[in-house]
Every structure is written in C-alpha cells, then in structure tokens.
C-alpha cells in the first residue's frame, strides 16, 4: 500500500483515501457527513442541472484512449506469440477483451460522475492490471530478446494515465461530483432528522 502513491501519484492517492473515508461514513449513516455540507450547498445542488456551471469531463474522456492504447499494445504482442490461432479466433481474442475493457472504463466513468469512490477504484484497478501486464511482458521480451517498441507505447500511455490522474481538471471533476453526492446525502439526512 505504501508504493501506491508512487505508482499513481500522491494527489490521486489522497483523493482515493478521502473518498474511502467518505464511503465509510456513508455506509455507517454517520451524521459527520453533515459537517461536510451546508444547507446553502444542499439548496444549490437542488437547482435544475442547466443552472450548474459546466463541468469539463475532458480529463476523464482522455483516460479512455490512453487506457485502450495501453491495453491494445499489451494484448497485441501476446496474441502475436499465439500463432496456433485461426484468423477468426485471433480477431475474437482481440475484440472480446477489448469490449470488456470498454465496458469497465464506461462503468468506472459513470460511477465517478455520480460521486462514488468505486469509480476511482475502478480506474486504479485497470491501471495496476495494465502496469503488471506491461512489466511481465517487458521481462518476457527481455528474456526472449524480442523487440519492445510496442510495450514502450503502452508505458507512455500508462504514464499519460498517471498524469491525468494527478491533473487539476481531473481532481476538480472528481471533487465536484463527490460534493454533489455529499450534498444530496446530507440533505436527505437533514430532512429525515426534521421528520423525526
């Protein structure tokens, strides 16, 4: 766990830690959530969506091609070594995992946009899986004396993901979505306490 800030960046790690603390308070129905919100903030988030300032999801959208490039340049060298596959199985072996990857990215994005820390955890999981696969394939290629230019593209894409994770735009988007969720939950708690 100590190496996680080094792998993902300290800003992303802090964002994740803060998110887990909030998720823990939400799971306990802890009234400490009310300290993170005000009635004014809660009223603000009850306005129609068109009245909110536009939040740029561009950093999250940037993660899609970066993750897909890292994934593709990990999968293609692996499939290249499996020469026993027929052309149709070869195509299926590429497109089926790609579809799973796209669904995983979309799920993480939707969770992130709804303010759930599971969205961040989803991106982290994909990042670590691709990083481990890249390292393993890099070691294999070193032993097999193969060319590693495809993996260097995967490494650049993963470094791009790490940069986006720690970028100002990504952090602001995550905090905005998290605040919106917190304000909604706090408003429900206040209404419930008044009814009681």
N, C-alpha and C. Protein backbone atom coordinates (compact mmCIF):
# COMPACT_ATOMS: atom_id res chain seq x y z
N UNK A 1 0.82 -1.20 0.00
CA UNK A 1 0.00 0.00 0.00
C UNK A 1 0.87 1.26 0.00
N UNK A 2 2.07 1.16 0.57
CA UNK A 2 2.96 2.32 0.62
C UNK A 2 3.47 2.70 -0.76
N UNK A 3 3.53 1.72 -1.67
CA UNK A 3 4.03 2.02 -3.02
C UNK A 3 2.94 2.62 -3.91
N UNK A 4 1.69 2.60 -3.46
CA UNK A 4 0.59 3.11 -4.27
C UNK A 4 0.73 4.59 -4.61
N UNK A 5 1.09 5.48 -3.65
CA UNK A 5 1.29 6.89 -4.04
C UNK A 5 2.37 7.06 -5.10
N UNK A 6 3.40 6.22 -5.04
CA UNK A 6 4.47 6.30 -6.03
C UNK A 6 3.98 5.88 -7.40
N UNK A 7 3.16 4.84 -7.45
CA UNK A 7 2.64 4.34 -8.72
C UNK A 7 1.62 5.27 -9.34
N UNK A 8 0.69 5.76 -8.52
CA UNK A 8 -0.43 6.52 -9.06
C UNK A 8 -0.26 8.03 -8.93
N UNK A 9 0.64 8.47 -8.07
CA UNK A 9 0.79 9.90 -7.79
C UNK A 9 0.12 10.22 -6.46
N UNK A 10 0.71 11.13 -5.71
CA UNK A 10 0.20 11.44 -4.36
C UNK A 10 -1.16 12.11 -4.39
N UNK A 11 -1.44 12.93 -5.41
CA UNK A 11 -2.73 13.63 -5.47
C UNK A 11 -3.86 12.63 -5.66
N UNK A 12 -3.68 11.70 -6.60
CA UNK A 12 -4.70 10.68 -6.84
C UNK A 12 -4.88 9.82 -5.59
N UNK A 13 -3.78 9.47 -4.94
CA UNK A 13 -3.85 8.65 -3.73
C UNK A 13 -4.63 9.36 -2.63
N UNK A 14 -4.37 10.66 -2.43
CA UNK A 14 -5.10 11.43 -1.42
C UNK A 14 -6.58 11.51 -1.76
N UNK A 15 -6.89 11.68 -3.03
CA UNK A 15 -8.28 11.71 -3.48
C UNK A 15 -8.97 10.40 -3.19
N UNK A 16 -8.26 9.30 -3.39
CA UNK A 16 -8.80 7.97 -3.13
C UNK A 16 -9.01 7.75 -1.63
N UNK A 17 -8.03 8.14 -0.82
CA UNK A 17 -8.14 7.99 0.63
C UNK A 17 -9.32 8.80 1.19
N UNK A 18 -9.45 10.03 0.72
CA UNK A 18 -10.57 10.87 1.14
C UNK A 18 -11.89 10.23 0.75
N UNK A 19 -11.92 9.67 -0.44
CA UNK A 19 -13.14 9.00 -0.92
C UNK A 19 -13.52 7.81 -0.06
N UNK A 20 -12.53 7.01 0.35
CA UNK A 20 -12.84 5.84 1.19
C UNK A 20 -13.35 6.26 2.56
N UNK A 21 -12.81 7.36 3.10
CA UNK A 21 -13.30 7.87 4.38
C UNK A 21 -14.77 8.29 4.27
N UNK A 22 -15.10 8.94 3.18
CA UNK A 22 -16.49 9.37 2.96
C UNK A 22 -17.40 8.16 2.77
N UNK A 23 -16.95 7.18 1.99
CA UNK A 23 -17.76 5.98 1.75
C UNK A 23 -18.02 5.24 3.05
N UNK A 24 -17.00 5.22 3.93
CA UNK A 24 -17.16 4.58 5.23
C UNK A 24 -18.21 5.30 6.06
N UNK A 25 -18.20 6.65 6.05
CA UNK A 25 -19.19 7.43 6.79
C UNK A 25 -20.58 7.24 6.21
N UNK A 26 -20.67 7.14 4.89
CA UNK A 26 -21.97 6.92 4.23
C UNK A 26 -22.52 5.56 4.61
N UNK A 27 -21.66 4.55 4.62
CA UNK A 27 -22.10 3.19 4.96
C UNK A 27 -22.61 3.10 6.40
N UNK A 28 -22.01 3.89 7.31
CA UNK A 28 -22.44 3.90 8.72
C UNK A 28 -23.62 4.83 8.97
N UNK A 29 -24.04 5.58 7.95
CA UNK A 29 -25.08 6.61 8.10
C UNK A 29 -24.66 7.61 9.17
N UNK A 30 -23.37 7.94 9.13
CA UNK A 30 -22.77 8.82 10.13
C UNK A 30 -23.19 10.26 9.89
N UNK A 31 -23.62 10.92 10.98
CA UNK A 31 -24.04 12.32 10.86
C UNK A 31 -22.85 13.27 10.66
N UNK A 32 -21.63 12.75 10.71
CA UNK A 32 -20.46 13.60 10.46
C UNK A 32 -20.47 14.12 9.01
N UNK A 33 -21.25 13.48 8.16
CA UNK A 33 -21.38 13.96 6.79
C UNK A 33 -21.97 15.36 6.75
N UNK A 34 -22.78 15.68 7.75
CA UNK A 34 -23.41 17.00 7.79
C UNK A 34 -22.37 18.11 7.97
N UNK A 35 -21.21 17.76 8.54
CA UNK A 35 -20.15 18.74 8.71
C UNK A 35 -19.51 19.12 7.38
N UNK A 36 -19.64 18.23 6.39
CA UNK A 36 -19.05 18.48 5.08
C UNK A 36 -20.00 19.21 4.14
N UNK A 37 -21.15 19.59 4.66
CA UNK A 37 -22.14 20.24 3.81
C UNK A 37 -22.84 21.35 4.60
N UNK A 38 -23.49 22.23 3.86
CA UNK A 38 -24.30 23.30 4.48
C UNK A 38 -25.66 23.31 3.79
N UNK A 39 -26.67 23.86 4.46
CA UNK A 39 -27.98 23.95 3.81
C UNK A 39 -27.94 24.74 2.49
N UNK A 40 -27.07 25.76 2.42
CA UNK A 40 -26.93 26.54 1.19
C UNK A 40 -26.40 25.69 0.06
N UNK A 41 -25.38 24.89 0.38
CA UNK A 41 -24.80 23.99 -0.63
C UNK A 41 -25.83 22.96 -1.09
N UNK A 42 -26.60 22.46 -0.17
CA UNK A 42 -27.63 21.47 -0.50
C UNK A 42 -28.71 22.07 -1.38
N UNK A 43 -29.10 23.34 -1.09
CA UNK A 43 -30.08 24.02 -1.94
C UNK A 43 -29.51 24.26 -3.33
N UNK A 44 -28.22 24.58 -3.37
CA UNK A 44 -27.57 24.83 -4.65
C UNK A 44 -27.69 23.61 -5.57
N UNK A 45 -27.46 22.43 -5.01
CA UNK A 45 -27.49 21.22 -5.82
C UNK A 45 -28.90 20.70 -6.09
N UNK A 46 -29.93 21.37 -5.54
CA UNK A 46 -31.31 21.00 -5.89
C UNK A 46 -31.79 21.79 -7.11
N UNK A 47 -31.00 22.76 -7.56
CA UNK A 47 -31.36 23.53 -8.76
C UNK A 47 -31.37 22.62 -9.98
N UNK A 48 -32.08 23.01 -11.04
CA UNK A 48 -32.04 22.22 -12.29
C UNK A 48 -30.62 22.12 -12.83
N UNK A 49 -30.33 21.02 -13.47
CA UNK A 49 -28.96 20.75 -13.95
C UNK A 49 -28.45 21.84 -14.90
N UNK A 50 -29.34 22.47 -15.65
CA UNK A 50 -28.94 23.50 -16.59
C UNK A 50 -28.40 24.75 -15.93
N UNK A 51 -28.69 24.94 -14.65
CA UNK A 51 -28.23 26.14 -13.93
C UNK A 51 -26.83 25.97 -13.33
N UNK A 52 -26.32 24.73 -13.31
CA UNK A 52 -24.99 24.49 -12.78
C UNK A 52 -23.92 24.97 -13.77
N UNK A 53 -22.77 25.40 -13.26
CA UNK A 53 -21.67 25.70 -14.20
C UNK A 53 -21.23 24.41 -14.88
N UNK A 54 -20.82 24.53 -16.10
CA UNK A 54 -20.44 23.34 -16.87
C UNK A 54 -19.15 22.76 -16.32
N UNK A 55 -19.19 21.48 -16.04
CA UNK A 55 -18.01 20.77 -15.56
C UNK A 55 -17.38 20.00 -16.72
N UNK A 56 -16.11 20.18 -16.90
CA UNK A 56 -15.43 19.52 -18.01
C UNK A 56 -15.07 18.08 -17.64
N UNK A 57 -15.62 17.15 -18.39
CA UNK A 57 -15.28 15.74 -18.21
C UNK A 57 -14.15 15.33 -19.15
N UNK A 58 -13.49 16.32 -19.76
CA UNK A 58 -12.41 16.03 -20.71
C UNK A 58 -11.29 15.18 -20.11
N UNK A 59 -10.85 15.45 -18.86
CA UNK A 59 -9.79 14.59 -18.31
C UNK A 59 -10.21 13.13 -18.22
N UNK A 60 -11.47 12.89 -17.85
CA UNK A 60 -11.96 11.51 -17.77
C UNK A 60 -12.03 10.91 -19.17
N UNK A 61 -12.50 11.70 -20.14
CA UNK A 61 -12.57 11.23 -21.52
C UNK A 61 -11.18 10.94 -22.08
N UNK A 62 -10.18 11.70 -21.63
CA UNK A 62 -8.80 11.48 -22.09
C UNK A 62 -8.27 10.13 -21.62
N UNK A 63 -8.78 9.65 -20.49
CA UNK A 63 -8.32 8.36 -19.99
C UNK A 63 -8.72 7.20 -20.91
N UNK A 64 -9.85 7.34 -21.60
CA UNK A 64 -10.33 6.26 -22.47
C UNK A 64 -9.30 5.86 -23.52
N UNK A 65 -8.86 6.79 -24.40
CA UNK A 65 -7.87 6.36 -25.40
C UNK A 65 -6.55 5.91 -24.79
N UNK A 66 -6.14 6.55 -23.68
CA UNK A 66 -4.88 6.15 -23.06
C UNK A 66 -4.94 4.71 -22.54
N UNK A 67 -6.03 4.38 -21.84
CA UNK A 67 -6.18 3.02 -21.35
C UNK A 67 -6.30 2.02 -22.50
N UNK A 68 -7.04 2.40 -23.54
CA UNK A 68 -7.23 1.48 -24.67
C UNK A 68 -5.93 1.25 -25.43
N UNK A 69 -5.11 2.29 -25.56
CA UNK A 69 -3.80 2.12 -26.21
C UNK A 69 -2.91 1.21 -25.38
N UNK A 70 -2.86 1.45 -24.06
CA UNK A 70 -2.05 0.60 -23.18
C UNK A 70 -2.53 -0.85 -23.24
N UNK A 71 -3.85 -1.03 -23.29
CA UNK A 71 -4.43 -2.36 -23.35
C UNK A 71 -4.08 -3.04 -24.68
N UNK A 72 -4.29 -2.32 -25.78
CA UNK A 72 -4.05 -2.90 -27.10
C UNK A 72 -2.58 -3.28 -27.29
N UNK A 73 -1.68 -2.42 -26.84
CA UNK A 73 -0.25 -2.70 -27.04
C UNK A 73 0.29 -3.69 -26.02
N UNK A 74 -0.54 -4.11 -25.09
CA UNK A 74 -0.20 -5.26 -24.25
C UNK A 74 -0.76 -6.54 -24.85
N UNK A 75 -1.96 -6.45 -25.41
CA UNK A 75 -2.63 -7.63 -25.94
C UNK A 75 -2.06 -8.08 -27.28
N UNK A 76 -1.73 -7.13 -28.15
CA UNK A 76 -1.25 -7.49 -29.50
C UNK A 76 0.04 -8.32 -29.49
N UNK A 77 1.07 -7.95 -28.71
CA UNK A 77 2.27 -8.80 -28.67
C UNK A 77 1.99 -10.20 -28.12
N UNK A 78 1.08 -10.26 -27.14
CA UNK A 78 0.70 -11.55 -26.56
C UNK A 78 0.03 -12.43 -27.61
N UNK A 79 -0.90 -11.84 -28.37
CA UNK A 79 -1.60 -12.61 -29.41
C UNK A 79 -0.66 -12.97 -30.56
N UNK A 80 0.32 -12.11 -30.80
CA UNK A 80 1.29 -12.39 -31.87
C UNK A 80 2.08 -13.67 -31.58
N UNK A 81 2.31 -13.93 -30.30
CA UNK A 81 3.05 -15.15 -29.92
C UNK A 81 2.19 -16.41 -30.01
N UNK A 82 0.86 -16.25 -30.04
CA UNK A 82 -0.04 -17.39 -30.17
C UNK A 82 -0.37 -17.62 -31.64
N UNK A 83 0.54 -18.21 -32.36
CA UNK A 83 0.37 -18.38 -33.81
C UNK A 83 -0.51 -19.57 -34.16
N UNK A 84 -0.93 -20.34 -33.16
CA UNK A 84 -1.77 -21.52 -33.42
C UNK A 84 -3.23 -21.14 -33.67
N UNK A 85 -3.60 -19.89 -33.36
CA UNK A 85 -5.00 -19.47 -33.51
C UNK A 85 -5.35 -19.21 -34.97
N UNK A 86 -6.56 -19.57 -35.33
CA UNK A 86 -7.06 -19.26 -36.67
C UNK A 86 -7.34 -17.76 -36.75
N UNK A 87 -7.42 -17.19 -37.96
CA UNK A 87 -7.67 -15.74 -38.06
C UNK A 87 -8.95 -15.28 -37.35
N UNK A 88 -10.01 -16.09 -37.41
CA UNK A 88 -11.26 -15.68 -36.74
C UNK A 88 -11.11 -15.71 -35.22
N UNK A 89 -10.42 -16.74 -34.70
CA UNK A 89 -10.18 -16.81 -33.25
C UNK A 89 -9.23 -15.70 -32.80
N UNK A 90 -8.29 -15.38 -33.68
CA UNK A 90 -7.34 -14.30 -33.39
C UNK A 90 -8.09 -12.97 -33.24
N UNK A 91 -9.01 -12.71 -34.16
CA UNK A 91 -9.81 -11.48 -34.10
C UNK A 91 -10.70 -11.46 -32.87
N UNK A 92 -11.33 -12.60 -32.58
CA UNK A 92 -12.20 -12.70 -31.40
C UNK A 92 -11.40 -12.52 -30.12
N UNK A 93 -10.17 -13.04 -30.10
CA UNK A 93 -9.31 -12.92 -28.92
C UNK A 93 -8.89 -11.47 -28.67
N UNK A 94 -8.98 -10.65 -29.69
CA UNK A 94 -8.67 -9.23 -29.50
C UNK A 94 -9.93 -8.43 -29.15
N UNK A 95 -11.00 -8.66 -29.91
CA UNK A 95 -12.19 -7.81 -29.75
C UNK A 95 -13.01 -8.14 -28.50
N UNK A 96 -13.05 -9.39 -28.07
CA UNK A 96 -13.82 -9.73 -26.86
C UNK A 96 -13.22 -9.07 -25.62
N UNK A 97 -11.90 -9.20 -25.37
CA UNK A 97 -11.32 -8.49 -24.22
C UNK A 97 -11.41 -6.97 -24.36
N UNK A 98 -11.33 -6.47 -25.60
CA UNK A 98 -11.45 -5.02 -25.82
C UNK A 98 -12.82 -4.52 -25.40
N UNK A 99 -13.85 -5.31 -25.72
CA UNK A 99 -15.21 -4.95 -25.33
C UNK A 99 -15.35 -4.92 -23.81
N UNK A 100 -14.75 -5.91 -23.14
CA UNK A 100 -14.77 -5.95 -21.67
C UNK A 100 -14.06 -4.70 -21.11
N UNK A 101 -12.95 -4.34 -21.72
CA UNK A 101 -12.20 -3.16 -21.29
C UNK A 101 -13.03 -1.88 -21.45
N UNK A 102 -13.72 -1.75 -22.57
CA UNK A 102 -14.56 -0.57 -22.82
C UNK A 102 -15.69 -0.50 -21.79
N UNK A 103 -16.32 -1.64 -21.51
CA UNK A 103 -17.41 -1.66 -20.51
C UNK A 103 -16.87 -1.28 -19.13
N UNK A 104 -15.68 -1.78 -18.78
CA UNK A 104 -15.08 -1.46 -17.48
C UNK A 104 -14.78 0.04 -17.39
N UNK A 105 -14.26 0.63 -18.46
CA UNK A 105 -13.97 2.06 -18.47
C UNK A 105 -15.24 2.89 -18.36
N UNK A 106 -16.28 2.47 -19.07
CA UNK A 106 -17.56 3.20 -19.01
C UNK A 106 -18.17 3.11 -17.61
N UNK A 107 -18.10 1.93 -17.01
CA UNK A 107 -18.65 1.74 -15.66
C UNK A 107 -17.92 2.62 -14.65
N UNK A 108 -16.58 2.62 -14.73
CA UNK A 108 -15.79 3.46 -13.82
C UNK A 108 -16.11 4.94 -14.01
N UNK A 109 -16.31 5.35 -15.26
CA UNK A 109 -16.62 6.76 -15.55
C UNK A 109 -17.98 7.16 -14.99
N UNK A 110 -18.98 6.29 -15.16
CA UNK A 110 -20.32 6.59 -14.66
C UNK A 110 -20.30 6.68 -13.13
N UNK A 111 -19.62 5.74 -12.48
CA UNK A 111 -19.52 5.77 -11.01
C UNK A 111 -18.81 7.04 -10.54
N UNK A 112 -17.76 7.41 -11.25
CA UNK A 112 -17.01 8.62 -10.91
C UNK A 112 -17.89 9.86 -11.05
N UNK A 113 -18.67 9.92 -12.14
CA UNK A 113 -19.54 11.07 -12.38
C UNK A 113 -20.67 11.17 -11.36
N UNK A 114 -21.00 10.05 -10.74
CA UNK A 114 -22.05 10.05 -9.70
C UNK A 114 -21.48 10.28 -8.30
N UNK A 115 -20.16 10.46 -8.22
CA UNK A 115 -19.53 10.79 -6.94
C UNK A 115 -19.11 9.60 -6.11
N UNK A 116 -19.13 8.40 -6.69
CA UNK A 116 -18.75 7.19 -5.96
C UNK A 116 -17.24 6.96 -6.07
N UNK A 117 -16.63 6.61 -4.96
CA UNK A 117 -15.20 6.31 -4.93
C UNK A 117 -14.90 5.04 -5.71
N UNK A 118 -15.89 4.19 -5.90
CA UNK A 118 -15.71 2.96 -6.70
C UNK A 118 -15.25 3.30 -8.12
N UNK A 119 -15.62 4.47 -8.63
CA UNK A 119 -15.15 4.89 -9.95
C UNK A 119 -13.65 5.08 -9.97
N UNK A 120 -13.13 5.77 -8.94
CA UNK A 120 -11.68 5.93 -8.82
C UNK A 120 -10.99 4.58 -8.65
N UNK A 121 -11.59 3.73 -7.81
CA UNK A 121 -11.02 2.40 -7.57
C UNK A 121 -11.00 1.58 -8.86
N UNK A 122 -12.03 1.75 -9.68
CA UNK A 122 -12.08 1.04 -10.97
C UNK A 122 -10.94 1.46 -11.87
N UNK A 123 -10.70 2.77 -11.98
CA UNK A 123 -9.58 3.26 -12.79
C UNK A 123 -8.25 2.78 -12.21
N UNK A 124 -8.14 2.78 -10.89
CA UNK A 124 -6.91 2.31 -10.25
C UNK A 124 -6.66 0.84 -10.54
N UNK A 125 -7.72 0.03 -10.46
CA UNK A 125 -7.59 -1.40 -10.73
C UNK A 125 -7.13 -1.66 -12.16
N UNK A 126 -7.75 -0.97 -13.11
CA UNK A 126 -7.34 -1.13 -14.52
C UNK A 126 -5.90 -0.69 -14.72
N UNK A 127 -5.51 0.40 -14.07
CA UNK A 127 -4.15 0.91 -14.18
C UNK A 127 -3.14 -0.11 -13.66
N UNK A 128 -3.43 -0.68 -12.49
CA UNK A 128 -2.48 -1.64 -11.89
C UNK A 128 -2.40 -2.92 -12.73
N UNK A 129 -3.55 -3.40 -13.21
CA UNK A 129 -3.56 -4.61 -14.05
C UNK A 129 -2.71 -4.39 -15.29
N UNK A 130 -2.91 -3.26 -15.97
CA UNK A 130 -2.14 -2.98 -17.19
C UNK A 130 -0.67 -2.76 -16.88
N UNK A 131 -0.37 -2.15 -15.74
CA UNK A 131 1.03 -1.94 -15.36
C UNK A 131 1.73 -3.28 -15.10
N UNK A 132 1.06 -4.18 -14.39
CA UNK A 132 1.63 -5.51 -14.12
C UNK A 132 1.83 -6.28 -15.42
N UNK A 133 0.83 -6.24 -16.31
CA UNK A 133 0.96 -6.94 -17.59
C UNK A 133 2.11 -6.37 -18.41
N UNK A 134 2.28 -5.05 -18.39
CA UNK A 134 3.37 -4.42 -19.14
C UNK A 134 4.72 -4.84 -18.60
N UNK A 135 4.85 -4.87 -17.28
CA UNK A 135 6.12 -5.28 -16.67
C UNK A 135 6.42 -6.74 -16.98
N UNK A 136 5.41 -7.61 -16.85
CA UNK A 136 5.61 -9.04 -17.14
C UNK A 136 5.99 -9.27 -18.60
N UNK A 137 5.30 -8.59 -19.50
CA UNK A 137 5.64 -8.75 -20.92
C UNK A 137 7.00 -8.16 -21.24
N UNK A 138 7.36 -7.07 -20.55
CA UNK A 138 8.69 -6.48 -20.75
C UNK A 138 9.78 -7.45 -20.32
N UNK A 139 9.58 -8.12 -19.18
CA UNK A 139 10.55 -9.13 -18.72
C UNK A 139 10.64 -10.29 -19.69
N UNK A 140 9.48 -10.73 -20.19
CA UNK A 140 9.47 -11.83 -21.17
C UNK A 140 10.23 -11.44 -22.43
N UNK A 141 10.00 -10.22 -22.91
CA UNK A 141 10.67 -9.79 -24.13
C UNK A 141 12.17 -9.61 -23.92
N UNK A 142 12.57 -9.22 -22.72
CA UNK A 142 14.00 -9.13 -22.42
C UNK A 142 14.66 -10.50 -22.47
N UNK A 143 13.95 -11.50 -21.91
CA UNK A 143 14.49 -12.86 -21.90
C UNK A 143 14.47 -13.48 -23.29
N UNK A 144 13.44 -13.16 -24.06
CA UNK A 144 13.31 -13.73 -25.40
C UNK A 144 14.04 -12.90 -26.44
N UNK A 145 14.66 -11.80 -26.01
CA UNK A 145 15.37 -10.88 -26.89
C UNK A 145 14.50 -10.39 -28.04
N UNK A 146 13.26 -10.11 -27.70
CA UNK A 146 12.34 -9.57 -28.71
C UNK A 146 12.40 -8.06 -28.73
N UNK A 147 11.67 -7.50 -29.68
CA UNK A 147 11.60 -6.03 -29.76
C UNK A 147 10.54 -5.52 -28.81
N UNK A 148 10.87 -4.49 -28.08
CA UNK A 148 9.95 -3.98 -27.06
C UNK A 148 9.31 -2.66 -27.40
N UNK A 149 9.29 -2.27 -28.71
CA UNK A 149 8.74 -0.96 -29.05
C UNK A 149 7.24 -0.88 -28.78
N UNK A 150 6.53 -2.00 -28.92
CA UNK A 150 5.09 -1.96 -28.66
C UNK A 150 4.82 -1.71 -27.18
N UNK A 151 5.63 -2.31 -26.33
CA UNK A 151 5.46 -2.10 -24.89
C UNK A 151 5.86 -0.69 -24.48
N UNK A 152 6.78 -0.08 -25.20
CA UNK A 152 7.16 1.29 -24.88
C UNK A 152 5.98 2.24 -25.12
N UNK A 153 5.14 1.92 -26.12
CA UNK A 153 3.93 2.72 -26.35
C UNK A 153 2.95 2.52 -25.19
N UNK A 154 2.84 1.29 -24.71
CA UNK A 154 1.97 1.01 -23.56
C UNK A 154 2.46 1.76 -22.32
N UNK A 155 3.77 1.81 -22.13
CA UNK A 155 4.34 2.53 -20.98
C UNK A 155 4.03 4.02 -21.08
N UNK A 156 4.17 4.60 -22.27
CA UNK A 156 3.87 6.02 -22.47
C UNK A 156 2.40 6.29 -22.19
N UNK A 157 1.51 5.39 -22.64
CA UNK A 157 0.07 5.55 -22.38
C UNK A 157 -0.24 5.48 -20.88
N UNK A 158 0.43 4.57 -20.17
CA UNK A 158 0.21 4.46 -18.73
C UNK A 158 0.75 5.69 -17.98
N UNK A 159 1.87 6.22 -18.45
CA UNK A 159 2.38 7.47 -17.85
C UNK A 159 1.41 8.62 -18.10
N UNK A 160 0.78 8.60 -19.29
CA UNK A 160 -0.25 9.59 -19.59
C UNK A 160 -1.43 9.47 -18.64
N UNK A 161 -1.84 8.23 -18.34
CA UNK A 161 -2.93 8.00 -17.38
C UNK A 161 -2.56 8.56 -16.01
N UNK A 162 -1.34 8.31 -15.60
CA UNK A 162 -0.88 8.81 -14.29
C UNK A 162 -0.89 10.33 -14.25
N UNK A 163 -0.49 10.96 -15.34
CA UNK A 163 -0.51 12.43 -15.41
C UNK A 163 -1.94 12.97 -15.32
N UNK A 164 -2.87 12.31 -16.01
CA UNK A 164 -4.28 12.74 -15.96
C UNK A 164 -4.84 12.55 -14.55
N UNK A 165 -4.52 11.41 -13.92
CA UNK A 165 -4.98 11.15 -12.55
C UNK A 165 -4.64 12.29 -11.60
N UNK A 166 -3.49 12.91 -11.81
CA UNK A 166 -3.00 13.94 -10.90
C UNK A 166 -3.17 15.35 -11.46
N UNK A 167 -3.91 15.47 -12.56
CA UNK A 167 -4.12 16.78 -13.17
C UNK A 167 -5.19 17.56 -12.42
N UNK A 168 -5.12 18.85 -12.55
CA UNK A 168 -6.07 19.73 -11.86
C UNK A 168 -7.50 19.50 -12.35
N UNK A 169 -7.68 19.35 -13.66
CA UNK A 169 -9.01 19.14 -14.22
C UNK A 169 -9.67 17.88 -13.71
N UNK A 170 -8.90 16.79 -13.63
CA UNK A 170 -9.44 15.52 -13.14
C UNK A 170 -9.85 15.64 -11.67
N UNK A 171 -8.98 16.24 -10.87
CA UNK A 171 -9.26 16.39 -9.43
C UNK A 171 -10.49 17.26 -9.22
N UNK A 172 -10.60 18.38 -9.96
CA UNK A 172 -11.76 19.26 -9.82
C UNK A 172 -13.05 18.54 -10.21
N UNK A 173 -12.99 17.73 -11.26
CA UNK A 173 -14.18 16.99 -11.69
C UNK A 173 -14.61 16.00 -10.61
N UNK A 174 -13.65 15.26 -10.06
CA UNK A 174 -13.95 14.27 -9.02
C UNK A 174 -14.51 14.96 -7.77
N UNK A 175 -13.89 16.06 -7.36
CA UNK A 175 -14.35 16.76 -6.15
C UNK A 175 -15.75 17.34 -6.36
N UNK A 176 -16.00 17.89 -7.54
CA UNK A 176 -17.33 18.45 -7.83
C UNK A 176 -18.40 17.36 -7.75
N UNK A 177 -18.14 16.22 -8.39
CA UNK A 177 -19.12 15.12 -8.38
C UNK A 177 -19.31 14.56 -6.98
N UNK A 178 -18.22 14.47 -6.24
CA UNK A 178 -18.28 13.97 -4.86
C UNK A 178 -19.06 14.94 -3.97
N UNK A 179 -18.82 16.22 -4.14
CA UNK A 179 -19.53 17.24 -3.36
C UNK A 179 -21.02 17.21 -3.65
N UNK A 180 -21.36 17.03 -4.92
CA UNK A 180 -22.77 16.96 -5.30
C UNK A 180 -23.45 15.77 -4.61
N UNK A 181 -22.78 14.63 -4.59
CA UNK A 181 -23.33 13.45 -3.93
C UNK A 181 -23.44 13.67 -2.41
N UNK A 182 -22.39 14.24 -1.82
CA UNK A 182 -22.41 14.51 -0.38
C UNK A 182 -23.55 15.47 0.01
N UNK A 183 -23.75 16.51 -0.81
CA UNK A 183 -24.81 17.47 -0.52
C UNK A 183 -26.18 16.81 -0.60
N UNK A 184 -26.35 15.92 -1.57
CA UNK A 184 -27.62 15.21 -1.71
C UNK A 184 -27.88 14.30 -0.50
N UNK A 185 -26.84 13.57 -0.08
CA UNK A 185 -26.98 12.68 1.08
C UNK A 185 -27.22 13.48 2.36
N UNK A 186 -26.50 14.60 2.52
CA UNK A 186 -26.67 15.43 3.72
C UNK A 186 -28.07 16.02 3.76
N UNK A 187 -28.59 16.42 2.61
CA UNK A 187 -29.95 16.99 2.56
C UNK A 187 -30.98 15.95 3.01
N UNK A 188 -30.81 14.71 2.54
CA UNK A 188 -31.72 13.63 2.95
C UNK A 188 -31.64 13.39 4.45
N UNK A 189 -30.41 13.45 5.00
CA UNK A 189 -30.23 13.26 6.45
C UNK A 189 -30.91 14.37 7.24
N UNK A 190 -30.76 15.61 6.78
CA UNK A 190 -31.39 16.74 7.46
C UNK A 190 -32.91 16.62 7.44
N UNK A 191 -33.44 16.26 6.27
CA UNK A 191 -34.90 16.10 6.15
C UNK A 191 -35.41 14.98 7.06
N UNK A 192 -34.64 13.89 7.12
CA UNK A 192 -35.04 12.76 7.95
C UNK A 192 -35.01 13.13 9.43
N UNK A 193 -33.98 13.87 9.84
CA UNK A 193 -33.88 14.27 11.26
C UNK A 193 -35.00 15.25 11.64
N UNK A 194 -35.42 16.08 10.70
CA UNK A 194 -36.53 17.00 10.98
C UNK A 194 -37.84 16.26 11.14
N UNK A 195 -38.02 15.20 10.32
CA UNK A 195 -39.25 14.40 10.40
C UNK A 195 -39.34 13.65 11.72
N UNK A 196 -38.17 13.26 12.22
CA UNK A 196 -38.15 12.50 13.49
C UNK A 196 -38.34 13.44 14.66
